[in-house]
Each structure stands twice: as structure tokens, then as C-alpha cells.
PDB file of all heavy atoms in Angstrom:
ATOM      1  N   ARG A   1      42.598 149.683 116.048  1.00  0.00           N
ATOM      2  CA  ARG A   1      42.436 148.267 116.401  1.00  0.00           C
ATOM      3  C   ARG A   1      42.580 147.285 115.238  1.00  0.00           C
ATOM      4  O   ARG A   1      43.122 146.274 115.221  1.00  0.00           O
ATOM      5  CB  ARG A   1      41.173 148.044 117.239  1.00  0.00           C
ATOM      6  CG  ARG A   1      41.259 148.622 118.641  1.00  0.00           C
ATOM      7  CD  ARG A   1      39.985 148.145 119.424  1.00  0.00           C
ATOM      8  NE  ARG A   1      40.037 148.646 120.738  1.00  0.00           N
ATOM      9  CZ  ARG A   1      40.755 148.218 121.897  1.00  0.00           C
ATOM     10  NH1 ARG A   1      41.590 147.338 121.616  1.00  0.00           N
ATOM     11  NH2 ARG A   1      40.702 148.881 122.966  1.00  0.00           N
ATOM     12  N   GLU A   2      41.738 147.723 114.229  1.00  0.00           N
ATOM     13  CA  GLU A   2      41.658 146.764 113.094  1.00  0.00           C
ATOM     14  C   GLU A   2      42.950 146.641 112.267  1.00  0.00           C
ATOM     15  O   GLU A   2      43.278 145.661 111.720  1.00  0.00           O
ATOM     16  CB  GLU A   2      40.411 147.156 112.162  1.00  0.00           C
ATOM     17  CG  GLU A   2      39.151 146.993 112.900  1.00  0.00           C
ATOM     18  CD  GLU A   2      37.980 147.515 112.084  1.00  0.00           C
ATOM     19  OE1 GLU A   2      38.229 148.257 111.125  1.00  0.00           O
ATOM     20  OE2 GLU A   2      36.794 147.315 112.493  1.00  0.00           O
ATOM     21  N   THR A   3      43.506 147.892 111.999  1.00  0.00           N
ATOM     22  CA  THR A   3      44.685 147.942 111.134  1.00  0.00           C
ATOM     23  C   THR A   3      46.059 147.895 111.792  1.00  0.00           C
ATOM     24  O   THR A   3      47.077 147.602 110.990  1.00  0.00           O
ATOM     25  CB  THR A   3      44.573 149.247 110.176  1.00  0.00           C
ATOM     26  OG1 THR A   3      44.720 150.373 111.005  1.00  0.00           O
ATOM     27  CG2 THR A   3      43.361 149.261 109.449  1.00  0.00           C
ATOM     28  N   ALA A   4      46.087 147.992 113.012  1.00  0.00           N
ATOM     29  CA  ALA A   4      47.502 147.986 113.706  1.00  0.00           C
ATOM     30  C   ALA A   4      47.545 146.979 114.887  1.00  0.00           C
ATOM     31  O   ALA A   4      48.404 146.157 114.810  1.00  0.00           O
ATOM     32  CB  ALA A   4      47.792 149.387 114.260  1.00  0.00           C
ATOM     33  N   VAL A   5      46.651 147.194 115.805  1.00  0.00           N
ATOM     34  CA  VAL A   5      46.606 146.320 116.912  1.00  0.00           C
ATOM     35  C   VAL A   5      46.423 144.773 116.470  1.00  0.00           C
ATOM     36  O   VAL A   5      47.205 143.958 116.876  1.00  0.00           O
ATOM     37  CB  VAL A   5      45.708 146.701 118.060  1.00  0.00           C
ATOM     38  CG1 VAL A   5      45.637 145.753 119.254  1.00  0.00           C
ATOM     39  CG2 VAL A   5      45.932 148.039 118.495  1.00  0.00           C
ATOM     40  N   GLY A   6      45.418 144.509 115.808  1.00  0.00           N
ATOM     41  CA  GLY A   6      45.080 143.174 115.291  1.00  0.00           C
ATOM     42  C   GLY A   6      46.308 142.510 114.585  1.00  0.00           C
ATOM     43  O   GLY A   6      46.771 141.413 114.965  1.00  0.00           O
ATOM     44  N   PRO A   7      46.802 143.236 113.595  1.00  0.00           N
ATOM     45  CA  PRO A   7      47.909 142.627 112.864  1.00  0.00           C
ATOM     46  C   PRO A   7      49.190 142.412 113.747  1.00  0.00           C
ATOM     47  O   PRO A   7      49.952 141.417 113.648  1.00  0.00           O
ATOM     48  CB  PRO A   7      48.333 143.585 111.750  1.00  0.00           C
ATOM     49  CG  PRO A   7      46.865 144.187 111.446  1.00  0.00           C
ATOM     50  CD  PRO A   7      46.237 144.360 112.786  1.00  0.00           C
ATOM     51  N   ALA A   8      49.418 143.432 114.732  1.00  0.00           N
ATOM     52  CA  ALA A   8      50.553 143.291 115.603  1.00  0.00           C
ATOM     53  C   ALA A   8      50.419 142.065 116.497  1.00  0.00           C
ATOM     54  O   ALA A   8      51.416 141.461 116.849  1.00  0.00           O
ATOM     55  CB  ALA A   8      50.663 144.610 116.355  1.00  0.00           C
ATOM     56  N   LEU A   9      49.232 141.803 116.866  1.00  0.00           N
ATOM     57  CA  LEU A   9      48.963 140.659 117.819  1.00  0.00           C
ATOM     58  C   LEU A   9      49.235 139.375 117.068  1.00  0.00           C
ATOM     59  O   LEU A   9      49.663 138.357 117.649  1.00  0.00           O
ATOM     60  CB  LEU A   9      47.530 140.648 118.244  1.00  0.00           C
ATOM     61  CG  LEU A   9      47.264 141.611 119.345  1.00  0.00           C
ATOM     62  CD1 LEU A   9      45.788 141.686 119.660  1.00  0.00           C
ATOM     63  CD2 LEU A   9      47.942 141.373 120.560  1.00  0.00           C
ATOM     64  N   THR A  10      48.982 139.308 115.730  1.00  0.00           N
ATOM     65  CA  THR A  10      49.191 138.053 115.025  1.00  0.00           C
ATOM     66  C   THR A  10      50.560 137.970 114.412  1.00  0.00           C
ATOM     67  O   THR A  10      51.035 136.841 113.988  1.00  0.00           O
ATOM     68  CB  THR A  10      48.204 137.898 113.850  1.00  0.00           C
ATOM     69  OG1 THR A  10      48.249 138.949 113.029  1.00  0.00           O
ATOM     70  CG2 THR A  10      46.754 137.861 114.459  1.00  0.00           C
ATOM     71  N   ALA A  11      51.297 138.921 114.402  1.00  0.00           N
ATOM     72  CA  ALA A  11      52.686 138.948 113.799  1.00  0.00           C
ATOM     73  C   ALA A  11      53.539 138.147 114.760  1.00  0.00           C
ATOM     74  O   ALA A  11      53.440 138.204 115.965  1.00  0.00           O
ATOM     75  CB  ALA A  11      53.196 140.372 113.576  1.00  0.00           C
ATOM     76  N   ARG A  12      54.525 137.501 114.231  1.00  0.00           N
ATOM     77  CA  ARG A  12      55.430 136.781 114.905  1.00  0.00           C
ATOM     78  C   ARG A  12      56.917 137.316 114.720  1.00  0.00           C
ATOM     79  O   ARG A  12      57.173 137.894 113.620  1.00  0.00           O
ATOM     80  CB  ARG A  12      55.396 135.267 114.606  1.00  0.00           C
ATOM     81  CG  ARG A  12      54.070 134.567 114.823  1.00  0.00           C
ATOM     82  CD  ARG A  12      53.799 134.454 116.296  1.00  0.00           C
ATOM     83  NE  ARG A  12      52.494 133.900 116.552  1.00  0.00           N
ATOM     84  CZ  ARG A  12      51.568 134.595 117.381  1.00  0.00           C
ATOM     85  NH1 ARG A  12      51.884 135.636 117.989  1.00  0.00           N
ATOM     86  NH2 ARG A  12      50.451 133.980 117.536  1.00  0.00           N
ATOM     87  N   GLY A  13      57.776 136.982 115.566  1.00  0.00           N
ATOM     88  CA  GLY A  13      59.127 137.428 115.413  1.00  0.00           C
ATOM     89  C   GLY A  13      59.409 138.749 116.094  1.00  0.00           C
ATOM     90  O   GLY A  13      58.528 139.478 116.369  1.00  0.00           O
ATOM     91  N   LEU A  14      60.719 139.052 115.975  1.00  0.00           N
ATOM     92  CA  LEU A  14      61.135 140.311 116.329  1.00  0.00           C
ATOM     93  C   LEU A  14      60.998 141.480 115.441  1.00  0.00           C
ATOM     94  O   LEU A  14      60.965 141.308 114.189  1.00  0.00           O
ATOM     95  CB  LEU A  14      62.665 140.287 116.735  1.00  0.00           C
ATOM     96  CG  LEU A  14      63.044 139.323 117.887  1.00  0.00           C
ATOM     97  CD1 LEU A  14      64.522 139.232 117.954  1.00  0.00           C
ATOM     98  CD2 LEU A  14      62.386 139.691 119.209  1.00  0.00           C
ATOM     99  N   VAL A  15      60.874 142.680 115.945  1.00  0.00           N
ATOM    100  CA  VAL A  15      60.749 143.878 114.983  1.00  0.00           C
ATOM    101  C   VAL A  15      62.145 144.070 114.560  1.00  0.00           C
ATOM    102  O   VAL A  15      63.059 144.217 115.292  1.00  0.00           O
ATOM    103  CB  VAL A  15      60.233 145.101 115.773  1.00  0.00           C
ATOM    104  CG1 VAL A  15      60.244 146.427 114.931  1.00  0.00           C
ATOM    105  CG2 VAL A  15      58.805 144.837 116.259  1.00  0.00           C
ATOM    106  N   PRO A  16      62.323 144.159 113.225  1.00  0.00           N
ATOM    107  CA  PRO A  16      63.755 144.427 112.702  1.00  0.00           C
ATOM    108  C   PRO A  16      64.207 145.843 113.206  1.00  0.00           C
ATOM    109  O   PRO A  16      63.422 146.731 113.385  1.00  0.00           O
ATOM    110  CB  PRO A  16      63.527 144.520 111.091  1.00  0.00           C
ATOM    111  CG  PRO A  16      62.256 143.779 110.888  1.00  0.00           C
ATOM    112  CD  PRO A  16      61.415 143.985 112.167  1.00  0.00           C
ATOM    113  N   ALA A  17      65.416 145.858 113.600  1.00  0.00           N
ATOM    114  CA  ALA A  17      66.113 147.043 114.092  1.00  0.00           C
ATOM    115  C   ALA A  17      65.784 148.326 113.299  1.00  0.00           C
ATOM    116  O   ALA A  17      65.548 149.467 113.836  1.00  0.00           O
ATOM    117  CB  ALA A  17      67.619 146.890 114.205  1.00  0.00           C
ATOM    118  N   VAL A  18      65.757 148.153 111.935  1.00  0.00           N
ATOM    119  CA  VAL A  18      65.550 149.404 111.123  1.00  0.00           C
ATOM    120  C   VAL A  18      64.077 149.852 111.280  1.00  0.00           C
ATOM    121  O   VAL A  18      63.741 150.960 110.814  1.00  0.00           O
ATOM    122  CB  VAL A  18      65.805 149.049 109.689  1.00  0.00           C
ATOM    123  CG1 VAL A  18      67.300 148.845 109.520  1.00  0.00           C
ATOM    124  CG2 VAL A  18      65.082 148.049 109.093  1.00  0.00           C
ATOM    125  N   ARG A  19      63.193 148.997 111.684  1.00  0.00           N
ATOM    126  CA  ARG A  19      61.780 149.371 111.930  1.00  0.00           C
ATOM    127  C   ARG A  19      61.425 149.965 113.242  1.00  0.00           C
ATOM    128  O   ARG A  19      60.401 150.509 113.520  1.00  0.00           O
ATOM    129  CB  ARG A  19      60.849 148.270 111.596  1.00  0.00           C
ATOM    130  CG  ARG A  19      60.958 147.720 110.209  1.00  0.00           C
ATOM    131  CD  ARG A  19      60.250 148.697 109.320  1.00  0.00           C
ATOM    132  NE  ARG A  19      60.248 148.222 107.926  1.00  0.00           N
ATOM    133  CZ  ARG A  19      60.250 148.949 106.816  1.00  0.00           C
ATOM    134  NH1 ARG A  19      60.515 150.227 106.941  1.00  0.00           N
ATOM    135  NH2 ARG A  19      60.337 148.410 105.563  1.00  0.00           N
ATOM    136  N   GLU A  20      62.380 149.687 114.297  1.00  0.00           N
ATOM    137  CA  GLU A  20      62.017 150.169 115.649  1.00  0.00           C
ATOM    138  C   GLU A  20      61.845 151.576 115.686  1.00  0.00           C
ATOM    139  O   GLU A  20      60.865 152.067 116.373  1.00  0.00           O
ATOM    140  CB  GLU A  20      63.264 149.679 116.593  1.00  0.00           C
ATOM    141  CG  GLU A  20      63.136 148.154 116.922  1.00  0.00           C
ATOM    142  CD  GLU A  20      64.127 147.837 117.958  1.00  0.00           C
ATOM    143  OE1 GLU A  20      64.629 148.648 118.774  1.00  0.00           O
ATOM    144  OE2 GLU A  20      64.456 146.701 118.072  1.00  0.00           O
ATOM    145  N   GLU A  21      62.652 152.393 115.038  1.00  0.00           N
ATOM    146  CA  GLU A  21      62.521 153.837 114.987  1.00  0.00           C
ATOM    147  C   GLU A  21      61.240 154.227 114.380  1.00  0.00           C
ATOM    148  O   GLU A  21      60.545 155.108 115.149  1.00  0.00           O
ATOM    149  CB  GLU A  21      63.661 154.401 114.177  1.00  0.00           C
ATOM    150  CG  GLU A  21      63.642 155.892 113.984  1.00  0.00           C
ATOM    151  CD  GLU A  21      64.637 156.513 113.091  1.00  0.00           C
ATOM    152  OE1 GLU A  21      65.469 155.665 112.525  1.00  0.00           O
ATOM    153  OE2 GLU A  21      64.605 157.681 112.802  1.00  0.00           O
ATOM    154  N   GLN A  22      60.735 153.665 113.498  1.00  0.00           N
ATOM    155  CA  GLN A  22      59.451 153.864 112.782  1.00  0.00           C
ATOM    156  C   GLN A  22      58.267 153.560 113.750  1.00  0.00           C
ATOM    157  O   GLN A  22      57.389 154.406 113.833  1.00  0.00           O
ATOM    158  CB  GLN A  22      59.225 153.161 111.554  1.00  0.00           C
ATOM    159  CG  GLN A  22      60.221 153.575 110.404  1.00  0.00           C
ATOM    160  CD  GLN A  22      60.096 152.749 109.212  1.00  0.00           C
ATOM    161  OE1 GLN A  22      59.802 151.588 109.259  1.00  0.00           O
ATOM    162  NE2 GLN A  22      60.534 153.323 108.090  1.00  0.00           N
ATOM    163  N   ILE A  23      58.315 152.453 114.391  1.00  0.00           N
ATOM    164  CA  ILE A  23      57.083 152.133 115.333  1.00  0.00           C
ATOM    165  C   ILE A  23      57.123 152.927 116.526  1.00  0.00           C
ATOM    166  O   ILE A  23      55.999 153.420 116.980  1.00  0.00           O
ATOM    167  CB  ILE A  23      57.122 150.533 115.630  1.00  0.00           C
ATOM    168  CG1 ILE A  23      55.763 150.271 116.296  1.00  0.00           C
ATOM    169  CG2 ILE A  23      58.312 150.170 116.391  1.00  0.00           C
ATOM    170  CD1 ILE A  23      54.593 150.188 115.305  1.00  0.00           C
ATOM    171  N   LEU A  24      58.291 153.275 117.103  1.00  0.00           N
ATOM    172  CA  LEU A  24      58.465 154.155 118.253  1.00  0.00           C
ATOM    173  C   LEU A  24      57.896 155.543 117.932  1.00  0.00           C
ATOM    174  O   LEU A  24      57.032 156.059 118.721  1.00  0.00           O
ATOM    175  CB  LEU A  24      59.864 154.199 118.762  1.00  0.00           C
ATOM    176  CG  LEU A  24      60.401 152.920 119.484  1.00  0.00           C
ATOM    177  CD1 LEU A  24      61.878 152.979 119.549  1.00  0.00           C
ATOM    178  CD2 LEU A  24      59.783 152.768 120.896  1.00  0.00           C
ATOM    179  N   GLY A  25      58.394 155.982 116.776  1.00  0.00           N
ATOM    180  CA  GLY A  25      57.811 157.303 116.325  1.00  0.00           C
ATOM    181  C   GLY A  25      56.323 157.493 116.002  1.00  0.00           C
ATOM    182  O   GLY A  25      55.520 158.423 116.386  1.00  0.00           O
ATOM    183  N   ALA A  26      55.811 156.286 115.399  1.00  0.00           N
ATOM    184  CA  ALA A  26      54.411 156.227 115.067  1.00  0.00           C
ATOM    185  C   ALA A  26      53.533 156.309 116.446  1.00  0.00           C
ATOM    186  O   ALA A  26      52.498 157.013 116.456  1.00  0.00           O
ATOM    187  CB  ALA A  26      54.109 155.156 114.286  1.00  0.00           C
ATOM    188  N   VAL A  27      53.869 155.437 117.402  1.00  0.00           N
ATOM    189  CA  VAL A  27      53.236 155.324 118.482  1.00  0.00           C
ATOM    190  C   VAL A  27      53.296 156.716 119.327  1.00  0.00           C
ATOM    191  O   VAL A  27      52.355 157.237 119.929  1.00  0.00           O
ATOM    192  CB  VAL A  27      53.644 154.193 119.387  1.00  0.00           C
ATOM    193  CG1 VAL A  27      52.902 154.254 120.788  1.00  0.00           C
ATOM    194  CG2 VAL A  27      53.291 152.911 118.742  1.00  0.00           C
ATOM    195  N   ALA A  28      54.498 157.349 119.306  1.00  0.00           N
ATOM    196  CA  ALA A  28      54.716 158.628 119.956  1.00  0.00           C
ATOM    197  C   ALA A  28      53.734 159.721 119.337  1.00  0.00           C
ATOM    198  O   ALA A  28      53.131 160.481 120.091  1.00  0.00           O
ATOM    199  CB  ALA A  28      56.052 159.127 119.791  1.00  0.00           C
ATOM    200  N   SER A  29      53.563 159.682 118.015  1.00  0.00           N
ATOM    201  CA  SER A  29      52.661 160.599 117.318  1.00  0.00           C
ATOM    202  C   SER A  29      51.183 160.417 117.762  1.00  0.00           C
ATOM    203  O   SER A  29      50.533 161.376 118.030  1.00  0.00           O
ATOM    204  CB  SER A  29      52.772 160.368 115.784  1.00  0.00           C
ATOM    205  OG  SER A  29      53.971 160.766 115.359  1.00  0.00           O
ATOM    206  N   VAL A  30      50.837 159.114 118.044  1.00  0.00           N
ATOM    207  CA  VAL A  30      49.486 158.963 118.474  1.00  0.00           C
ATOM    208  C   VAL A  30      49.202 159.462 119.817  1.00  0.00           C
ATOM    209  O   VAL A  30      48.232 160.201 120.126  1.00  0.00           O
ATOM    210  CB  VAL A  30      49.153 157.383 118.428  1.00  0.00           C
ATOM    211  CG1 VAL A  30      47.853 157.064 119.129  1.00  0.00           C
ATOM    212  CG2 VAL A  30      49.105 156.955 116.999  1.00  0.00           C
ATOM    213  N   LEU A  31      50.293 159.260 120.816  1.00  0.00           N
ATOM    214  CA  LEU A  31      50.162 159.782 122.076  1.00  0.00           C
ATOM    215  C   LEU A  31      50.159 161.367 122.147  1.00  0.00           C
ATOM    216  O   LEU A  31      49.500 161.876 122.890  1.00  0.00           O
ATOM    217  CB  LEU A  31      51.244 159.215 122.978  1.00  0.00           C
ATOM    218  CG  LEU A  31      51.152 157.658 123.244  1.00  0.00           C
ATOM    219  CD1 LEU A  31      52.272 157.252 124.251  1.00  0.00           C
ATOM    220  CD2 LEU A  31      49.727 157.339 123.743  1.00  0.00           C
ATOM    221  N   GLU A  32      51.008 161.937 121.255  1.00  0.00           N
ATOM    222  CA  GLU A  32      51.123 163.342 121.193  1.00  0.00           C
ATOM    223  C   GLU A  32      49.698 163.934 120.740  1.00  0.00           C
ATOM    224  O   GLU A  32      49.281 164.910 121.267  1.00  0.00           O
ATOM    225  CB  GLU A  32      52.100 163.865 120.273  1.00  0.00           C
ATOM    226  CG  GLU A  32      53.499 163.576 120.790  1.00  0.00           C
ATOM    227  CD  GLU A  32      54.662 163.495 119.746  1.00  0.00           C
ATOM    228  OE1 GLU A  32      54.385 163.612 118.592  1.00  0.00           O
ATOM    229  OE2 GLU A  32      55.837 163.590 120.170  1.00  0.00           O
ATOM    230  N   THR A  33      49.098 163.225 119.858  1.00  0.00           N
ATOM    231  CA  THR A  33      47.855 163.757 119.335  1.00  0.00           C
ATOM    232  C   THR A  33      46.682 163.592 120.449  1.00  0.00           C
ATOM    233  O   THR A  33      45.839 164.450 120.736  1.00  0.00           O
ATOM    234  CB  THR A  33      47.365 162.907 118.126  1.00  0.00           C
ATOM    235  OG1 THR A  33      48.296 163.056 117.157  1.00  0.00           O
ATOM    236  CG2 THR A  33      46.000 163.330 117.602  1.00  0.00           C
ATOM    237  N   LEU A  34      46.690 162.469 121.142  1.00  0.00           N
ATOM    238  CA  LEU A  34      45.765 162.298 122.257  1.00  0.00           C
ATOM    239  C   LEU A  34      46.135 163.219 123.351  1.00  0.00           C
ATOM    240  O   LEU A  34      45.164 163.745 123.989  1.00  0.00           O
ATOM    241  CB  LEU A  34      45.930 160.851 122.886  1.00  0.00           C
ATOM    242  CG  LEU A  34      45.281 159.801 122.020  1.00  0.00           C
ATOM    243  CD1 LEU A  34      45.541 158.422 122.678  1.00  0.00           C
ATOM    244  CD2 LEU A  34      43.760 159.932 121.947  1.00  0.00           C
ATOM    245  N   GLN A  35      47.360 163.598 123.628  1.00  0.00           N
ATOM    246  CA  GLN A  35      47.717 164.520 124.548  1.00  0.00           C
ATOM    247  C   GLN A  35      47.114 165.970 124.231  1.00  0.00           C
ATOM    248  O   GLN A  35      46.607 166.725 125.029  1.00  0.00           O
ATOM    249  CB  GLN A  35      49.221 164.646 124.873  1.00  0.00           C
ATOM    250  CG  GLN A  35      49.686 165.544 125.926  1.00  0.00           C
ATOM    251  CD  GLN A  35      49.745 167.046 125.651  1.00  0.00           C
ATOM    252  OE1 GLN A  35      50.111 167.403 124.568  1.00  0.00           O
ATOM    253  NE2 GLN A  35      49.275 167.882 126.564  1.00  0.00           N
ATOM    254  N   GLY A  36      47.218 166.311 122.935  1.00  0.00           N
ATOM    255  CA  GLY A  36      46.741 167.515 122.472  1.00  0.00           C
ATOM    256  C   GLY A  36      45.200 167.576 122.713  1.00  0.00           C
ATOM    257  O   GLY A  36      44.671 168.606 123.095  1.00  0.00           O
ATOM    258  N   LEU A  37      44.542 166.509 122.439  1.00  0.00           N
ATOM    259  CA  LEU A  37      43.106 166.419 122.665  1.00  0.00           C
ATOM    260  C   LEU A  37      42.706 166.512 124.125  1.00  0.00           C
ATOM    261  O   LEU A  37      41.914 167.363 124.487  1.00  0.00           O
ATOM    262  CB  LEU A  37      42.517 165.173 122.016  1.00  0.00           C
ATOM    263  CG  LEU A  37      40.934 165.032 122.158  1.00  0.00           C
ATOM    264  CD1 LEU A  37      40.252 166.142 121.504  1.00  0.00           C
ATOM    265  CD2 LEU A  37      40.570 163.583 121.614  1.00  0.00           C
ATOM    266  N   THR A  38      43.400 165.679 124.924  1.00  0.00           N
ATOM    267  CA  THR A  38      42.927 165.743 126.376  1.00  0.00           C
ATOM    268  C   THR A  38      43.449 167.029 127.175  1.00  0.00           C
ATOM    269  O   THR A  38      42.814 167.486 128.041  1.00  0.00           O
ATOM    270  CB  THR A  38      43.726 164.507 127.109  1.00  0.00           C
ATOM    271  OG1 THR A  38      45.055 164.562 126.912  1.00  0.00           O
ATOM    272  CG2 THR A  38      43.166 163.230 126.567  1.00  0.00           C
ATOM    273  N   GLY A  39      44.449 167.688 126.489  1.00  0.00           N
ATOM    274  CA  GLY A  39      44.877 169.012 127.104  1.00  0.00           C
ATOM    275  C   GLY A  39      43.839 170.091 126.840  1.00  0.00           C
ATOM    276  O   GLY A  39      43.951 171.034 127.636  1.00  0.00           O
ATOM    277  N   ILE A  40      42.950 169.940 125.938  1.00  0.00           N
ATOM    278  CA  ILE A  40      41.951 170.943 125.789  1.00  0.00           C
ATOM    279  C   ILE A  40      40.800 171.025 126.766  1.00  0.00           C
ATOM    280  O   ILE A  40      40.312 172.023 127.078  1.00  0.00           O
ATOM    281  CB  ILE A  40      41.260 170.621 124.315  1.00  0.00           C
ATOM    282  CG1 ILE A  40      42.216 170.857 123.187  1.00  0.00           C
ATOM    283  CG2 ILE A  40      40.036 171.527 124.157  1.00  0.00           C
ATOM    284  CD1 ILE A  40      41.797 170.408 121.948  1.00  0.00           C
ATOM    285  N   PHE A  41      40.583 169.766 127.422  1.00  0.00           N
ATOM    286  CA  PHE A  41      39.405 169.609 128.221  1.00  0.00           C
ATOM    287  C   PHE A  41      39.490 169.780 129.747  1.00  0.00           C
ATOM    288  O   PHE A  41      38.492 170.021 130.340  1.00  0.00           O
ATOM    289  CB  PHE A  41      38.831 168.173 127.969  1.00  0.00           C
ATOM    290  CG  PHE A  41      38.186 168.061 126.640  1.00  0.00           C
ATOM    291  CD1 PHE A  41      38.832 167.399 125.560  1.00  0.00           C
ATOM    292  CD2 PHE A  41      36.981 168.755 126.286  1.00  0.00           C
ATOM    293  CE1 PHE A  41      38.222 167.307 124.408  1.00  0.00           C
ATOM    294  CE2 PHE A  41      36.364 168.704 125.094  1.00  0.00           C
ATOM    295  CZ  PHE A  41      37.114 167.864 124.077  1.00  0.00           C
ATOM    296  N   PRO A  42      40.676 169.975 130.336  1.00  0.00           N
ATOM    297  CA  PRO A  42      40.597 170.013 131.848  1.00  0.00           C
ATOM    298  C   PRO A  42      39.785 171.223 132.340  1.00  0.00           C
ATOM    299  O   PRO A  42      38.967 171.131 133.235  1.00  0.00           O
ATOM    300  CB  PRO A  42      42.112 170.142 132.170  1.00  0.00           C
ATOM    301  CG  PRO A  42      42.862 169.432 131.180  1.00  0.00           C
ATOM    302  CD  PRO A  42      42.018 169.713 129.868  1.00  0.00           C
ATOM    303  N   ASP A  43      39.941 172.431 131.790  1.00  0.00           N
ATOM    304  CA  ASP A  43      39.309 173.618 132.153  1.00  0.00           C
ATOM    305  C   ASP A  43      37.843 173.646 131.719  1.00  0.00           C
ATOM    306  O   ASP A  43      37.167 174.532 132.113  1.00  0.00           O
ATOM    307  CB  ASP A  43      40.075 174.862 131.825  1.00  0.00           C
ATOM    308  CG  ASP A  43      41.380 174.899 132.472  1.00  0.00           C
ATOM    309  OD1 ASP A  43      41.557 174.345 133.609  1.00  0.00           O
ATOM    310  OD2 ASP A  43      42.376 175.444 131.972  1.00  0.00           O
ATOM    311  N   ARG A  44      37.424 172.753 130.789  1.00  0.00           N
ATOM    312  CA  ARG A  44      36.199 172.766 130.291  1.00  0.00           C
ATOM    313  C   ARG A  44      35.133 171.649 130.854  1.00  0.00           C
ATOM    314  O   ARG A  44      33.995 171.698 130.575  1.00  0.00           O
ATOM    315  CB  ARG A  44      36.159 172.578 128.690  1.00  0.00           C
ATOM    316  CG  ARG A  44      36.904 173.651 128.019  1.00  0.00           C
ATOM    317  CD  ARG A  44      37.201 173.445 126.559  1.00  0.00           C
ATOM    318  NE  ARG A  44      35.900 173.383 125.937  1.00  0.00           N
ATOM    319  CZ  ARG A  44      35.865 173.041 124.634  1.00  0.00           C
ATOM    320  NH1 ARG A  44      36.934 172.701 123.942  1.00  0.00           N
ATOM    321  NH2 ARG A  44      34.650 172.915 123.979  1.00  0.00           N
ATOM    322  N   MET A  45      35.686 170.835 131.793  1.00  0.00           N
ATOM    323  CA  MET A  45      34.976 169.905 132.467  1.00  0.00           C
ATOM    324  C   MET A  45      34.090 170.500 133.546  1.00  0.00           C
ATOM    325  O   MET A  45      34.570 171.525 134.242  1.00  0.00           O
ATOM    326  CB  MET A  45      35.801 168.793 133.031  1.00  0.00           C
ATOM    327  CG  MET A  45      36.524 167.893 131.999  1.00  0.00           C
ATOM    328  SD  MET A  45      35.403 166.812 131.042  1.00  0.00           S
ATOM    329  CE  MET A  45      35.343 167.622 129.480  1.00  0.00           C
ATOM    330  N   THR A  46      32.936 169.974 133.732  1.00  0.00           N
ATOM    331  CA  THR A  46      31.982 170.458 134.755  1.00  0.00           C
ATOM    332  C   THR A  46      32.309 170.130 136.118  1.00  0.00           C
ATOM    333  O   THR A  46      32.289 170.819 137.088  1.00  0.00           O
ATOM    334  CB  THR A  46      30.529 170.106 134.328  1.00  0.00           C
ATOM    335  OG1 THR A  46      30.293 170.487 133.034  1.00  0.00           O
ATOM    336  CG2 THR A  46      29.513 170.628 135.329  1.00  0.00           C
ATOM    337  N   THR A  47      32.862 168.742 136.158  1.00  0.00           N
ATOM    338  CA  THR A  47      33.037 168.325 137.560  1.00  0.00           C
ATOM    339  C   THR A  47      34.563 168.199 137.932  1.00  0.00           C
ATOM    340  O   THR A  47      35.420 168.117 137.092  1.00  0.00           O
ATOM    341  CB  THR A  47      32.490 166.820 137.570  1.00  0.00           C
ATOM    342  OG1 THR A  47      33.402 165.925 136.709  1.00  0.00           O
ATOM    343  CG2 THR A  47      31.077 166.624 137.232  1.00  0.00           C
ATOM    344  N   PRO A  48      34.860 168.250 139.141  1.00  0.00           N
ATOM    345  CA  PRO A  48      36.272 168.142 139.682  1.00  0.00           C
ATOM    346  C   PRO A  48      36.918 166.922 139.206  1.00  0.00           C
ATOM    347  O   PRO A  48      38.079 166.806 138.773  1.00  0.00           O
ATOM    348  CB  PRO A  48      36.214 168.200 141.228  1.00  0.00           C
ATOM    349  CG  PRO A  48      34.874 168.859 141.506  1.00  0.00           C
ATOM    350  CD  PRO A  48      34.013 168.503 140.362  1.00  0.00           C
TER     351      PRO A  48
END
């Protein structure tokens, strides 16, 4: 939130085409990491 979301909210203008690949990949990496974490827990939860 502090280092990415905040600055992204205050930035103006379009993302340069050469940077689109980087931001898409970076966000994909975050989601893949979260998926790895959330994938560990379904069978370990106590409640349905």
C-alpha cells in the first residue's frame, strides 16, 4: 500500500507501453504468491 498503491494513485498520465509488460508481470507475481499461500489452507481449515 505504501510503496505501490499510494504512488500509483497519485501518478498521472498513461503507463508507457514499454512499462505495461512490467506492471502486468509484477501484479501477476503477487497474485501467484497469494494463490500459493491460499492454496495451502483449504484442507487445514476447521470450518466448511
